[in-house]
Amino acid sequence: MLQTLRRPRGEPSLQAVLDAADGVILGKRDELKLALACLLARGHLLIEDLPGVGKTTLAHLLARLLGLGHARIQFTSDMLPADVVGVSVYDRASEQFRFHRGPIFAQVVLADEINRATPKAQSALLEAMEERQVTAEGETRPLPEPFFVIATQNPFYQIGTFPLPESQLDRFLMRLKLGYPAADQEKVLLAGRDRRELLADLEPALDAETLLEAQRDVPAVHASAALIDYCYAILCFTRNSERFVHGLSPRAGLGLLRAARAWAMLEGRDFVLPEDVQRVLPAVVPHRLMTGDDDSTGGHAAIAEQILESVPVS
């Protein structure tokens, strides 16, 4: 019989993060849990929605509750890669150039409205997100651990946006949409305190070492051979389906499994169930797929639904 998850030292704090976040971002428990699973899986998070629904608040909230140093980068159309990575400045006293680190060197980086910057500025994040290091002035510099990028973007049809290229989208383990809160929750929001005031009063629910320990426990969450077969069947379906221009890559499959393991950990288990894969798939898979049609309404939700309905659990 499978044993109950050995509770890692950080798990109570992880639940405390969810509980505290739930009191600020009202009625979005599942989205908050997906965001935390993304961070546990050492991924990066993309939040896409209309302005004013809480994207930036969520990013600030996670950074504060995780007890990590964070920096905010406001992406604009005139931004340069050096604004993200940093630049060397001549120091007269030492008669040498000294590198001034950019905001990318924070543990949690909030890339706000990332699709308002040009592709050249967006590319400054590629190496950082994949390799967890940056190369500037001919020198490679490691980034701190843990390192998370939480990016927000506005819908592509809004004025002044540049679509993220496929290579950039693939660096994000998950893509979430918050949407409007439910009626009862929005009434509580309207009658309550300002969200920024609530953020200012919050205390960190865990520290960097606890988070790193939880991240190290994620790969140990057991995935059976049958579960691996299920994940592989999902990959094969996307590669053989005529609806998609191209199927999921092996990297996407690894990301799906990592996210499912993190979700299982948050559920208090040391093994992955097919339900864990199904729960994280809508956030992990659709933004990595291109369809051959012009479906722009509910496309991502429809893609996830089609995959889950078409691939049976063996």
C-alpha atoms as a PDB file:
ATOM      1  CA  MET A   1       0.000   0.000   0.000  1.00  0.00           C
ATOM      2  CA  LEU A   2       1.257   3.442  -0.840  1.00  0.00           C
ATOM      3  CA  GLN A   3       2.258   5.464   2.158  1.00  0.00           C
ATOM      4  CA  THR A   4       1.101   8.950   3.034  1.00  0.00           C
ATOM      5  CA  LEU A   5       3.521  11.649   2.043  1.00  0.00           C
ATOM      6  CA  ARG A   6       6.411  12.196   4.410  1.00  0.00           C
ATOM      7  CA  ARG A   7       5.619  15.753   5.318  1.00  0.00           C
ATOM      8  CA  PRO A   8       8.648  17.884   4.435  1.00  0.00           C
ATOM      9  CA  ARG A   9       9.641  20.566   6.858  1.00  0.00           C
ATOM     10  CA  GLY A  10       8.278  23.273   4.588  1.00  0.00           C
ATOM     11  CA  GLU A  11       4.821  21.836   3.855  1.00  0.00           C
ATOM     12  CA  PRO A  12       2.912  23.573   6.687  1.00  0.00           C
ATOM     13  CA  SER A  13       4.415  26.837   5.481  1.00  0.00           C
ATOM     14  CA  LEU A  14       3.303  26.071   1.921  1.00  0.00           C
ATOM     15  CA  GLN A  15      -0.260  25.698   3.137  1.00  0.00           C
ATOM     16  CA  ALA A  16       0.146  28.936   5.065  1.00  0.00           C
ATOM     17  CA  VAL A  17       1.160  30.651   1.827  1.00  0.00           C
ATOM     18  CA  LEU A  18      -2.032  29.450   0.163  1.00  0.00           C
ATOM     19  CA  ASP A  19      -4.221  30.451   3.097  1.00  0.00           C
ATOM     20  CA  ALA A  20      -2.704  33.940   3.314  1.00  0.00           C
ATOM     21  CA  ALA A  21      -2.883  34.470  -0.448  1.00  0.00           C
ATOM     22  CA  ASP A  22      -6.508  33.348  -0.465  1.00  0.00           C
ATOM     23  CA  GLY A  23      -7.325  36.220   1.867  1.00  0.00           C
ATOM     24  CA  VAL A  24      -5.968  38.792  -0.590  1.00  0.00           C
ATOM     25  CA  ILE A  25      -6.870  37.359  -4.015  1.00  0.00           C
ATOM     26  CA  LEU A  26     -10.472  36.404  -3.286  1.00  0.00           C
ATOM     27  CA  GLY A  27     -12.136  33.386  -4.858  1.00  0.00           C
ATOM     28  CA  LYS A  28      -9.081  32.225  -6.817  1.00  0.00           C
ATOM     29  CA  ARG A  29      -7.835  29.336  -4.673  1.00  0.00           C
ATOM     30  CA  ASP A  30      -7.212  27.018  -7.631  1.00  0.00           C
ATOM     31  CA  GLU A  31      -5.239  29.661  -9.537  1.00  0.00           C
ATOM     32  CA  LEU A  32      -3.163  30.416  -6.441  1.00  0.00           C
ATOM     33  CA  LYS A  33      -2.463  26.723  -5.954  1.00  0.00           C
ATOM     34  CA  LEU A  34      -1.382  26.369  -9.579  1.00  0.00           C
ATOM     35  CA  ALA A  35       0.944  29.345  -9.190  1.00  0.00           C
ATOM     36  CA  LEU A  36       2.549  27.814  -6.107  1.00  0.00           C
ATOM     37  CA  ALA A  37       2.877  24.447  -7.858  1.00  0.00           C
ATOM     38  CA  CYS A  38       4.630  26.229 -10.716  1.00  0.00           C
ATOM     39  CA  LEU A  39       7.177  27.722  -8.338  1.00  0.00           C
ATOM     40  CA  LEU A  40       7.691  24.410  -6.525  1.00  0.00           C
ATOM     41  CA  ALA A  41       8.416  22.789  -9.892  1.00  0.00           C
ATOM     42  CA  ARG A  42      11.117  25.412 -10.530  1.00  0.00           C
ATOM     43  CA  GLY A  43       9.135  26.868 -13.386  1.00  0.00           C
ATOM     44  CA  HIS A  44       8.214  30.375 -14.444  1.00  0.00           C
ATOM     45  CA  LEU A  45       4.708  31.783 -14.487  1.00  0.00           C
ATOM     46  CA  LEU A  46       2.883  33.836 -17.124  1.00  0.00           C
ATOM     47  CA  ILE A  47      -0.341  35.554 -16.066  1.00  0.00           C
ATOM     48  CA  GLU A  48      -2.463  36.891 -18.909  1.00  0.00           C
ATOM     49  CA  ASP A  49      -5.670  38.853 -18.467  1.00  0.00           C
ATOM     50  CA  LEU A  50      -7.324  42.233 -18.693  1.00  0.00           C
ATOM     51  CA  PRO A  51      -5.840  45.127 -16.694  1.00  0.00           C
ATOM     52  CA  GLY A  52      -7.212  45.464 -13.182  1.00  0.00           C
ATOM     53  CA  VAL A  53      -8.073  41.850 -12.338  1.00  0.00           C
ATOM     54  CA  GLY A  54      -5.144  41.299  -9.966  1.00  0.00           C
ATOM     55  CA  LYS A  55      -2.210  40.087 -12.091  1.00  0.00           C
ATOM     56  CA  THR A  56       0.374  42.395 -10.550  1.00  0.00           C
ATOM     57  CA  THR A  57      -1.121  41.978  -7.082  1.00  0.00           C
ATOM     58  CA  LEU A  58      -0.725  38.219  -7.348  1.00  0.00           C
ATOM     59  CA  ALA A  59       2.918  38.547  -8.337  1.00  0.00           C
ATOM     60  CA  HIS A  60       3.691  40.929  -5.444  1.00  0.00           C
ATOM     61  CA  LEU A  61       1.723  38.685  -3.088  1.00  0.00           C
ATOM     62  CA  LEU A  62       3.717  35.555  -3.918  1.00  0.00           C
ATOM     63  CA  ALA A  63       7.028  37.369  -3.615  1.00  0.00           C
ATOM     64  CA  ARG A  64       6.104  38.730  -0.185  1.00  0.00           C
ATOM     65  CA  LEU A  65       4.727  35.475   1.211  1.00  0.00           C
ATOM     66  CA  LEU A  66       7.713  33.502  -0.048  1.00  0.00           C
ATOM     67  CA  GLY A  67      10.047  35.778   1.894  1.00  0.00           C
ATOM     68  CA  LEU A  68      12.308  36.397  -1.084  1.00  0.00           C
ATOM     69  CA  GLY A  69      13.979  39.472  -2.506  1.00  0.00           C
ATOM     70  CA  HIS A  70      12.081  40.734  -5.505  1.00  0.00           C
ATOM     71  CA  ALA A  71      12.304  43.330  -8.246  1.00  0.00           C
ATOM     72  CA  ARG A  72       9.725  44.729 -10.639  1.00  0.00           C
ATOM     73  CA  ILE A  73      10.505  45.469 -14.280  1.00  0.00           C
ATOM     74  CA  GLN A  74       7.945  47.594 -16.088  1.00  0.00           C
ATOM     75  CA  PHE A  75       8.283  46.605 -19.721  1.00  0.00           C
ATOM     76  CA  THR A  76       7.805  49.389 -22.256  1.00  0.00           C
ATOM     77  CA  SER A  77       8.284  49.762 -25.995  1.00  0.00           C
ATOM     78  CA  ASP A  78      11.561  51.686 -25.577  1.00  0.00           C
ATOM     79  CA  MET A  79      13.156  49.202 -23.159  1.00  0.00           C
ATOM     80  CA  LEU A  80      16.631  47.834 -23.947  1.00  0.00           C
ATOM     81  CA  PRO A  81      18.134  44.485 -22.862  1.00  0.00           C
ATOM     82  CA  ALA A  82      20.600  46.380 -20.641  1.00  0.00           C
ATOM     83  CA  ASP A  83      17.633  47.692 -18.645  1.00  0.00           C
ATOM     84  CA  VAL A  84      16.965  44.095 -17.618  1.00  0.00           C
ATOM     85  CA  VAL A  85      20.423  42.546 -17.338  1.00  0.00           C
ATOM     86  CA  GLY A  86      22.551  45.513 -16.299  1.00  0.00           C
ATOM     87  CA  VAL A  87      25.338  47.638 -17.733  1.00  0.00           C
ATOM     88  CA  SER A  88      29.004  48.442 -17.140  1.00  0.00           C
ATOM     89  CA  VAL A  89      29.806  51.965 -16.019  1.00  0.00           C
ATOM     90  CA  TYR A  90      33.278  53.494 -15.957  1.00  0.00           C
ATOM     91  CA  ASP A  91      34.531  54.184 -12.425  1.00  0.00           C
ATOM     92  CA  ARG A  92      36.999  57.069 -12.394  1.00  0.00           C
ATOM     93  CA  ALA A  93      38.351  56.175  -8.966  1.00  0.00           C
ATOM     94  CA  SER A  94      39.452  52.690  -9.969  1.00  0.00           C
ATOM     95  CA  GLU A  95      39.866  53.540 -13.659  1.00  0.00           C
ATOM     96  CA  GLN A  96      37.901  50.417 -14.500  1.00  0.00           C
ATOM     97  CA  PHE A  97      34.491  49.515 -15.781  1.00  0.00           C
ATOM     98  CA  ARG A  98      32.213  48.174 -13.062  1.00  0.00           C
ATOM     99  CA  PHE A  99      29.160  46.089 -13.830  1.00  0.00           C
ATOM    100  CA  HIS A 100      25.938  47.373 -12.285  1.00  0.00           C
ATOM    101  CA  ARG A 101      23.503  44.505 -11.984  1.00  0.00           C
ATOM    102  CA  GLY A 102      20.024  44.896 -13.390  1.00  0.00           C
ATOM    103  CA  PRO A 103      16.748  43.830 -11.757  1.00  0.00           C
ATOM    104  CA  ILE A 104      17.062  40.328 -13.239  1.00  0.00           C
ATOM    105  CA  PHE A 105      19.371  39.455 -10.339  1.00  0.00           C
ATOM    106  CA  ALA A 106      16.506  39.341  -7.825  1.00  0.00           C
ATOM    107  CA  GLN A 107      15.135  36.035  -6.518  1.00  0.00           C
ATOM    108  CA  VAL A 108      11.626  36.858  -7.725  1.00  0.00           C
ATOM    109  CA  VAL A 109      11.372  39.004 -10.843  1.00  0.00           C
ATOM    110  CA  LEU A 110       8.044  40.570 -11.725  1.00  0.00           C
ATOM    111  CA  ALA A 111       8.087  41.249 -15.459  1.00  0.00           C
ATOM    112  CA  ASP A 112       5.061  43.517 -15.689  1.00  0.00           C
ATOM    113  CA  GLU A 113       3.294  43.811 -19.058  1.00  0.00           C
ATOM    114  CA  ILE A 114       6.053  41.849 -20.755  1.00  0.00           C
ATOM    115  CA  ASN A 115       4.366  41.982 -24.154  1.00  0.00           C
ATOM    116  CA  ARG A 116       4.574  45.773 -24.279  1.00  0.00           C
ATOM    117  CA  ALA A 117       8.335  45.480 -24.919  1.00  0.00           C
ATOM    118  CA  THR A 118       9.891  44.718 -28.270  1.00  0.00           C
ATOM    119  CA  PRO A 119      11.115  41.175 -29.032  1.00  0.00           C
ATOM    120  CA  LYS A 120      14.696  42.408 -28.566  1.00  0.00           C
ATOM    121  CA  ALA A 121      14.000  43.412 -24.964  1.00  0.00           C
ATOM    122  CA  GLN A 122      11.957  40.256 -24.338  1.00  0.00           C
ATOM    123  CA  SER A 123      14.920  38.151 -25.459  1.00  0.00           C
ATOM    124  CA  ALA A 124      16.938  39.406 -22.491  1.00  0.00           C
ATOM    125  CA  LEU A 125      14.912  37.017 -20.340  1.00  0.00           C
ATOM    126  CA  LEU A 126      15.496  33.896 -22.440  1.00  0.00           C
ATOM    127  CA  GLU A 127      18.900  32.858 -21.081  1.00  0.00           C
ATOM    128  CA  ALA A 128      17.964  33.846 -17.538  1.00  0.00           C
ATOM    129  CA  MET A 129      14.801  31.747 -17.516  1.00  0.00           C
ATOM    130  CA  GLU A 130      16.333  28.664 -19.087  1.00  0.00           C
ATOM    131  CA  GLU A 131      19.909  28.624 -17.798  1.00  0.00           C
ATOM    132  CA  ARG A 132      19.411  30.667 -14.594  1.00  0.00           C
ATOM    133  CA  GLN A 133      22.352  32.793 -15.596  1.00  0.00           C
ATOM    134  CA  VAL A 134      22.994  35.845 -17.753  1.00  0.00           C
ATOM    135  CA  THR A 135      25.877  36.771 -20.022  1.00  0.00           C
ATOM    136  CA  ALA A 136      26.780  40.445 -20.075  1.00  0.00           C
ATOM    137  CA  GLU A 137      29.946  42.240 -21.088  1.00  0.00           C
ATOM    138  CA  GLY A 138      31.444  38.874 -22.118  1.00  0.00           C
ATOM    139  CA  GLU A 139      31.044  37.351 -18.643  1.00  0.00           C
ATOM    140  CA  THR A 140      28.532  34.777 -17.456  1.00  0.00           C
ATOM    141  CA  ARG A 141      26.985  35.563 -14.089  1.00  0.00           C
ATOM    142  CA  PRO A 142      24.807  33.123 -12.100  1.00  0.00           C
ATOM    143  CA  LEU A 143      21.419  34.188 -10.815  1.00  0.00           C
ATOM    144  CA  PRO A 144      20.330  33.701  -7.193  1.00  0.00           C
ATOM    145  CA  GLU A 145      18.541  30.619  -5.916  1.00  0.00           C
ATOM    146  CA  PRO A 146      15.645  30.275  -5.914  1.00  0.00           C
ATOM    147  CA  PHE A 147      14.940  32.235  -9.080  1.00  0.00           C
ATOM    148  CA  PHE A 148      11.425  32.821 -10.413  1.00  0.00           C
ATOM    149  CA  VAL A 149      10.075  34.991 -13.191  1.00  0.00           C
ATOM    150  CA  ILE A 150       6.436  35.970 -12.783  1.00  0.00           C
ATOM    151  CA  ALA A 151       5.379  37.785 -15.936  1.00  0.00           C
ATOM    152  CA  THR A 152       2.111  39.514 -16.697  1.00  0.00           C
ATOM    153  CA  GLN A 153       0.801  40.360 -20.116  1.00  0.00           C
ATOM    154  CA  ASN A 154      -2.258  42.080 -21.508  1.00  0.00           C
ATOM    155  CA  PRO A 155      -4.420  40.459 -24.204  1.00  0.00           C
ATOM    156  CA  PHE A 156      -2.746  40.596 -27.618  1.00  0.00           C
ATOM    157  CA  TYR A 157      -5.534  42.654 -29.183  1.00  0.00           C
ATOM    158  CA  GLN A 158      -4.820  45.660 -26.959  1.00  0.00           C
ATOM    159  CA  ILE A 159      -2.917  48.603 -28.418  1.00  0.00           C
ATOM    160  CA  GLY A 160       0.857  48.586 -28.057  1.00  0.00           C
ATOM    161  CA  THR A 161       1.448  44.874 -27.492  1.00  0.00           C
ATOM    162  CA  PHE A 162       4.001  42.583 -29.157  1.00  0.00           C
ATOM    163  CA  PRO A 163       3.139  38.862 -29.226  1.00  0.00           C
ATOM    164  CA  LEU A 164       5.578  36.684 -27.299  1.00  0.00           C
ATOM    165  CA  PRO A 165       7.522  34.399 -29.663  1.00  0.00           C
ATOM    166  CA  GLU A 166       7.097  30.652 -29.285  1.00  0.00           C
ATOM    167  CA  SER A 167      10.576  30.245 -27.800  1.00  0.00           C
ATOM    168  CA  GLN A 168       9.689  32.746 -25.083  1.00  0.00           C
ATOM    169  CA  LEU A 169       6.316  31.180 -24.325  1.00  0.00           C
ATOM    170  CA  ASP A 170       7.955  27.774 -23.965  1.00  0.00           C
ATOM    171  CA  ARG A 171      10.097  29.102 -21.109  1.00  0.00           C
ATOM    172  CA  PHE A 172       6.985  29.578 -18.991  1.00  0.00           C
ATOM    173  CA  LEU A 173       5.962  26.359 -17.287  1.00  0.00           C
ATOM    174  CA  MET A 174       2.429  27.656 -16.726  1.00  0.00           C
ATOM    175  CA  ARG A 175       0.109  30.268 -18.173  1.00  0.00           C
ATOM    176  CA  LEU A 176      -2.814  31.385 -16.020  1.00  0.00           C
ATOM    177  CA  LYS A 177      -5.830  33.629 -16.398  1.00  0.00           C
ATOM    178  CA  LEU A 178      -7.505  35.078 -13.317  1.00  0.00           C
ATOM    179  CA  GLY A 179     -10.759  36.402 -14.736  1.00  0.00           C
ATOM    180  CA  TYR A 180     -13.388  38.338 -12.836  1.00  0.00           C
ATOM    181  CA  PRO A 181     -14.174  37.243  -9.271  1.00  0.00           C
ATOM    182  CA  ALA A 182     -17.502  35.668  -8.406  1.00  0.00           C
ATOM    183  CA  ALA A 183     -20.276  38.101  -7.444  1.00  0.00           C
ATOM    184  CA  ASP A 184     -20.137  37.430  -3.694  1.00  0.00           C
ATOM    185  CA  GLN A 185     -16.346  37.667  -3.645  1.00  0.00           C
ATOM    186  CA  GLU A 186     -16.322  40.924  -5.599  1.00  0.00           C
ATOM    187  CA  LYS A 187     -18.773  42.474  -3.148  1.00  0.00           C
ATOM    188  CA  VAL A 188     -16.409  41.537  -0.309  1.00  0.00           C
ATOM    189  CA  LEU A 189     -13.579  43.072  -2.318  1.00  0.00           C
ATOM    190  CA  LEU A 190     -15.489  46.315  -2.831  1.00  0.00           C
ATOM    191  CA  ALA A 191     -16.402  46.585   0.846  1.00  0.00           C
ATOM    192  CA  GLY A 192     -12.974  45.597   2.183  1.00  0.00           C
ATOM    193  CA  ARG A 193      -9.578  47.182   2.551  1.00  0.00           C
ATOM    194  CA  ASP A 194      -7.362  48.163  -0.332  1.00  0.00           C
ATOM    195  CA  ARG A 195      -5.313  45.194  -1.541  1.00  0.00           C
ATOM    196  CA  ARG A 196      -2.072  47.179  -1.284  1.00  0.00           C
ATOM    197  CA  GLU A 197      -2.738  47.820   2.388  1.00  0.00           C
ATOM    198  CA  LEU A 198      -3.311  44.115   2.941  1.00  0.00           C
ATOM    199  CA  LEU A 199      -0.018  43.320   1.193  1.00  0.00           C
ATOM    200  CA  ALA A 200       1.846  45.773   3.416  1.00  0.00           C
ATOM    201  CA  ASP A 201       0.558  43.999   6.537  1.00  0.00           C
ATOM    202  CA  LEU A 202       1.514  40.486   5.405  1.00  0.00           C
ATOM    203  CA  GLU A 203       4.455  38.638   6.925  1.00  0.00           C
ATOM    204  CA  PRO A 204       6.470  36.022   4.984  1.00  0.00           C
ATOM    205  CA  ALA A 205       5.075  32.515   5.456  1.00  0.00           C
ATOM    206  CA  LEU A 206       8.386  30.758   4.725  1.00  0.00           C
ATOM    207  CA  ASP A 207      12.024  31.473   3.926  1.00  0.00           C
ATOM    208  CA  ALA A 208      14.294  30.666   1.005  1.00  0.00           C
ATOM    209  CA  GLU A 209      15.799  27.543   2.590  1.00  0.00           C
ATOM    210  CA  THR A 210      12.367  26.053   3.293  1.00  0.00           C
ATOM    211  CA  LEU A 211      11.296  26.726  -0.268  1.00  0.00           C
ATOM    212  CA  LEU A 212      14.468  25.199  -1.698  1.00  0.00           C
ATOM    213  CA  GLU A 213      13.927  22.099   0.446  1.00  0.00           C
ATOM    214  CA  ALA A 214      10.381  21.744  -0.870  1.00  0.00           C
ATOM    215  CA  GLN A 215      11.682  22.132  -4.439  1.00  0.00           C
ATOM    216  CA  ARG A 216      14.209  19.363  -3.836  1.00  0.00           C
ATOM    217  CA  ASP A 217      11.393  17.071  -2.639  1.00  0.00           C
ATOM    218  CA  VAL A 218       9.315  17.499  -5.808  1.00  0.00           C
ATOM    219  CA  PRO A 219      11.351  15.122  -8.058  1.00  0.00           C
ATOM    220  CA  ALA A 220      11.038  12.436  -5.367  1.00  0.00           C
ATOM    221  CA  VAL A 221       7.242  12.338  -5.739  1.00  0.00           C
ATOM    222  CA  HIS A 222       6.638   8.930  -7.349  1.00  0.00           C
ATOM    223  CA  ALA A 223       5.267   8.619 -10.883  1.00  0.00           C
ATOM    224  CA  SER A 224       4.341   5.048 -11.816  1.00  0.00           C
ATOM    225  CA  ALA A 225       4.991   3.450 -15.201  1.00  0.00           C
ATOM    226  CA  ALA A 226       1.284   3.721 -15.999  1.00  0.00           C
ATOM    227  CA  LEU A 227       1.361   7.429 -15.181  1.00  0.00           C
ATOM    228  CA  ILE A 228       4.367   7.910 -17.473  1.00  0.00           C
ATOM    229  CA  ASP A 229       2.457   6.077 -20.213  1.00  0.00           C
ATOM    230  CA  TYR A 230      -0.465   8.474 -19.731  1.00  0.00           C
ATOM    231  CA  CYS A 231       1.782  11.521 -20.088  1.00  0.00           C
ATOM    232  CA  TYR A 232       3.395  10.016 -23.181  1.00  0.00           C
ATOM    233  CA  ALA A 233      -0.032   9.336 -24.703  1.00  0.00           C
ATOM    234  CA  ILE A 234      -0.853  13.040 -24.275  1.00  0.00           C
ATOM    235  CA  LEU A 235       2.338  14.002 -26.092  1.00  0.00           C
ATOM    236  CA  CYS A 236       1.614  11.556 -28.917  1.00  0.00           C
ATOM    237  CA  PHE A 237      -1.941  12.808 -29.321  1.00  0.00           C
ATOM    238  CA  THR A 238      -0.797  16.387 -29.881  1.00  0.00           C
ATOM    239  CA  ARG A 239       1.836  15.230 -32.378  1.00  0.00           C
ATOM    240  CA  ASN A 240      -0.626  13.135 -34.401  1.00  0.00           C
ATOM    241  CA  SER A 241      -3.637  15.451 -34.255  1.00  0.00           C
ATOM    242  CA  GLU A 242      -4.398  17.386 -37.431  1.00  0.00           C
ATOM    243  CA  ARG A 243      -5.624  20.340 -35.374  1.00  0.00           C
ATOM    244  CA  PHE A 244      -2.143  21.321 -34.174  1.00  0.00           C
ATOM    245  CA  VAL A 245       0.613  22.739 -36.342  1.00  0.00           C
ATOM    246  CA  HIS A 246       3.153  20.881 -34.231  1.00  0.00           C
ATOM    247  CA  GLY A 247       2.932  18.693 -31.149  1.00  0.00           C
ATOM    248  CA  LEU A 248       4.350  19.008 -27.665  1.00  0.00           C
ATOM    249  CA  SER A 249       8.120  18.738 -27.282  1.00  0.00           C
ATOM    250  CA  PRO A 250       9.897  16.413 -24.833  1.00  0.00           C
ATOM    251  CA  ARG A 251      10.607  19.494 -22.705  1.00  0.00           C
ATOM    252  CA  ALA A 252       6.877  20.151 -22.502  1.00  0.00           C
ATOM    253  CA  GLY A 253       6.329  16.569 -21.342  1.00  0.00           C
ATOM    254  CA  LEU A 254       8.939  16.952 -18.622  1.00  0.00           C
ATOM    255  CA  GLY A 255       7.314  20.198 -17.533  1.00  0.00           C
ATOM    256  CA  LEU A 256       3.883  18.563 -17.368  1.00  0.00           C
ATOM    257  CA  LEU A 257       5.229  15.792 -15.150  1.00  0.00           C
ATOM    258  CA  ARG A 258       7.097  18.232 -12.885  1.00  0.00           C
ATOM    259  CA  ALA A 259       3.973  20.315 -12.436  1.00  0.00           C
ATOM    260  CA  ALA A 260       1.891  17.214 -11.657  1.00  0.00           C
ATOM    261  CA  ARG A 261       4.423  16.132  -9.023  1.00  0.00           C
ATOM    262  CA  ALA A 262       4.288  19.574  -7.407  1.00  0.00           C
ATOM    263  CA  TRP A 263       0.482  19.498  -7.397  1.00  0.00           C
ATOM    264  CA  ALA A 264       0.529  16.039  -5.780  1.00  0.00           C
ATOM    265  CA  MET A 265       2.838  17.381  -3.065  1.00  0.00           C
ATOM    266  CA  LEU A 266       0.426  20.213  -2.333  1.00  0.00           C
ATOM    267  CA  GLU A 267      -2.309  17.580  -2.099  1.00  0.00           C
ATOM    268  CA  GLY A 268      -0.256  15.808   0.604  1.00  0.00           C
ATOM    269  CA  ARG A 269       0.778  12.764  -1.437  1.00  0.00           C
ATOM    270  CA  ASP A 270       4.115  11.262  -2.405  1.00  0.00           C
ATOM    271  CA  PHE A 271       2.731   9.792  -5.630  1.00  0.00           C
ATOM    272  CA  VAL A 272       1.140  11.239  -8.751  1.00  0.00           C
ATOM    273  CA  LEU A 273      -2.370  10.385  -9.882  1.00  0.00           C
ATOM    274  CA  PRO A 274      -3.804  10.946 -13.371  1.00  0.00           C
ATOM    275  CA  GLU A 275      -6.035  13.579 -11.757  1.00  0.00           C
ATOM    276  CA  ASP A 276      -2.918  15.592 -10.914  1.00  0.00           C
ATOM    277  CA  VAL A 277      -1.868  15.600 -14.560  1.00  0.00           C
ATOM    278  CA  GLN A 278      -5.373  16.578 -15.625  1.00  0.00           C
ATOM    279  CA  ARG A 279      -5.480  19.410 -13.089  1.00  0.00           C
ATOM    280  CA  VAL A 280      -2.260  21.082 -14.243  1.00  0.00           C
ATOM    281  CA  LEU A 281      -2.587  20.355 -17.969  1.00  0.00           C
ATOM    282  CA  PRO A 282      -4.775  23.398 -18.818  1.00  0.00           C
ATOM    283  CA  ALA A 283      -2.063  25.665 -17.385  1.00  0.00           C
ATOM    284  CA  VAL A 284       0.954  23.805 -18.800  1.00  0.00           C
ATOM    285  CA  VAL A 285       0.004  22.643 -22.291  1.00  0.00           C
ATOM    286  CA  PRO A 286      -2.209  24.977 -24.426  1.00  0.00           C
ATOM    287  CA  HIS A 287       0.191  27.932 -24.694  1.00  0.00           C
ATOM    288  CA  ARG A 288       2.745  25.565 -26.233  1.00  0.00           C
ATOM    289  CA  LEU A 289       0.435  24.517 -29.073  1.00  0.00           C
ATOM    290  CA  MET A 290      -0.557  26.285 -32.264  1.00  0.00           C
ATOM    291  CA  THR A 291      -3.775  25.402 -34.031  1.00  0.00           C
ATOM    292  CA  GLY A 292      -4.309  25.531 -37.759  1.00  0.00           C
ATOM    293  CA  ASP A 293      -7.631  27.354 -37.375  1.00  0.00           C
ATOM    294  CA  ASP A 294      -8.522  30.901 -36.412  1.00  0.00           C
ATOM    295  CA  ASP A 295     -10.257  30.020 -33.141  1.00  0.00           C
ATOM    296  CA  SER A 296      -9.563  32.984 -30.885  1.00  0.00           C
ATOM    297  CA  THR A 297     -12.453  32.578 -28.426  1.00  0.00           C
ATOM    298  CA  GLY A 298     -11.880  30.115 -25.618  1.00  0.00           C
ATOM    299  CA  GLY A 299      -9.070  28.559 -27.605  1.00  0.00           C
ATOM    300  CA  HIS A 300      -6.852  27.491 -24.718  1.00  0.00           C
ATOM    301  CA  ALA A 301      -9.703  26.032 -22.703  1.00  0.00           C
ATOM    302  CA  ALA A 302     -10.965  24.189 -25.765  1.00  0.00           C
ATOM    303  CA  ILE A 303      -7.509  22.756 -26.463  1.00  0.00           C
ATOM    304  CA  ALA A 304      -7.159  21.403 -22.918  1.00  0.00           C
ATOM    305  CA  GLU A 305     -10.667  19.957 -22.988  1.00  0.00           C
ATOM    306  CA  GLN A 306     -10.054  18.229 -26.313  1.00  0.00           C
ATOM    307  CA  ILE A 307      -6.814  16.636 -25.100  1.00  0.00           C
ATOM    308  CA  LEU A 308      -8.318  15.393 -21.836  1.00  0.00           C
ATOM    309  CA  GLU A 309     -11.366  13.954 -23.615  1.00  0.00           C
ATOM    310  CA  SER A 310      -9.313  12.294 -26.356  1.00  0.00           C
ATOM    311  CA  VAL A 311      -6.625  10.619 -24.226  1.00  0.00           C
ATOM    312  CA  PRO A 312      -8.071   7.942 -21.925  1.00  0.00           C
ATOM    313  CA  VAL A 313      -6.490   6.946 -18.628  1.00  0.00           C
ATOM    314  CA  SER A 314      -5.226   3.418 -19.150  1.00  0.00           C
END
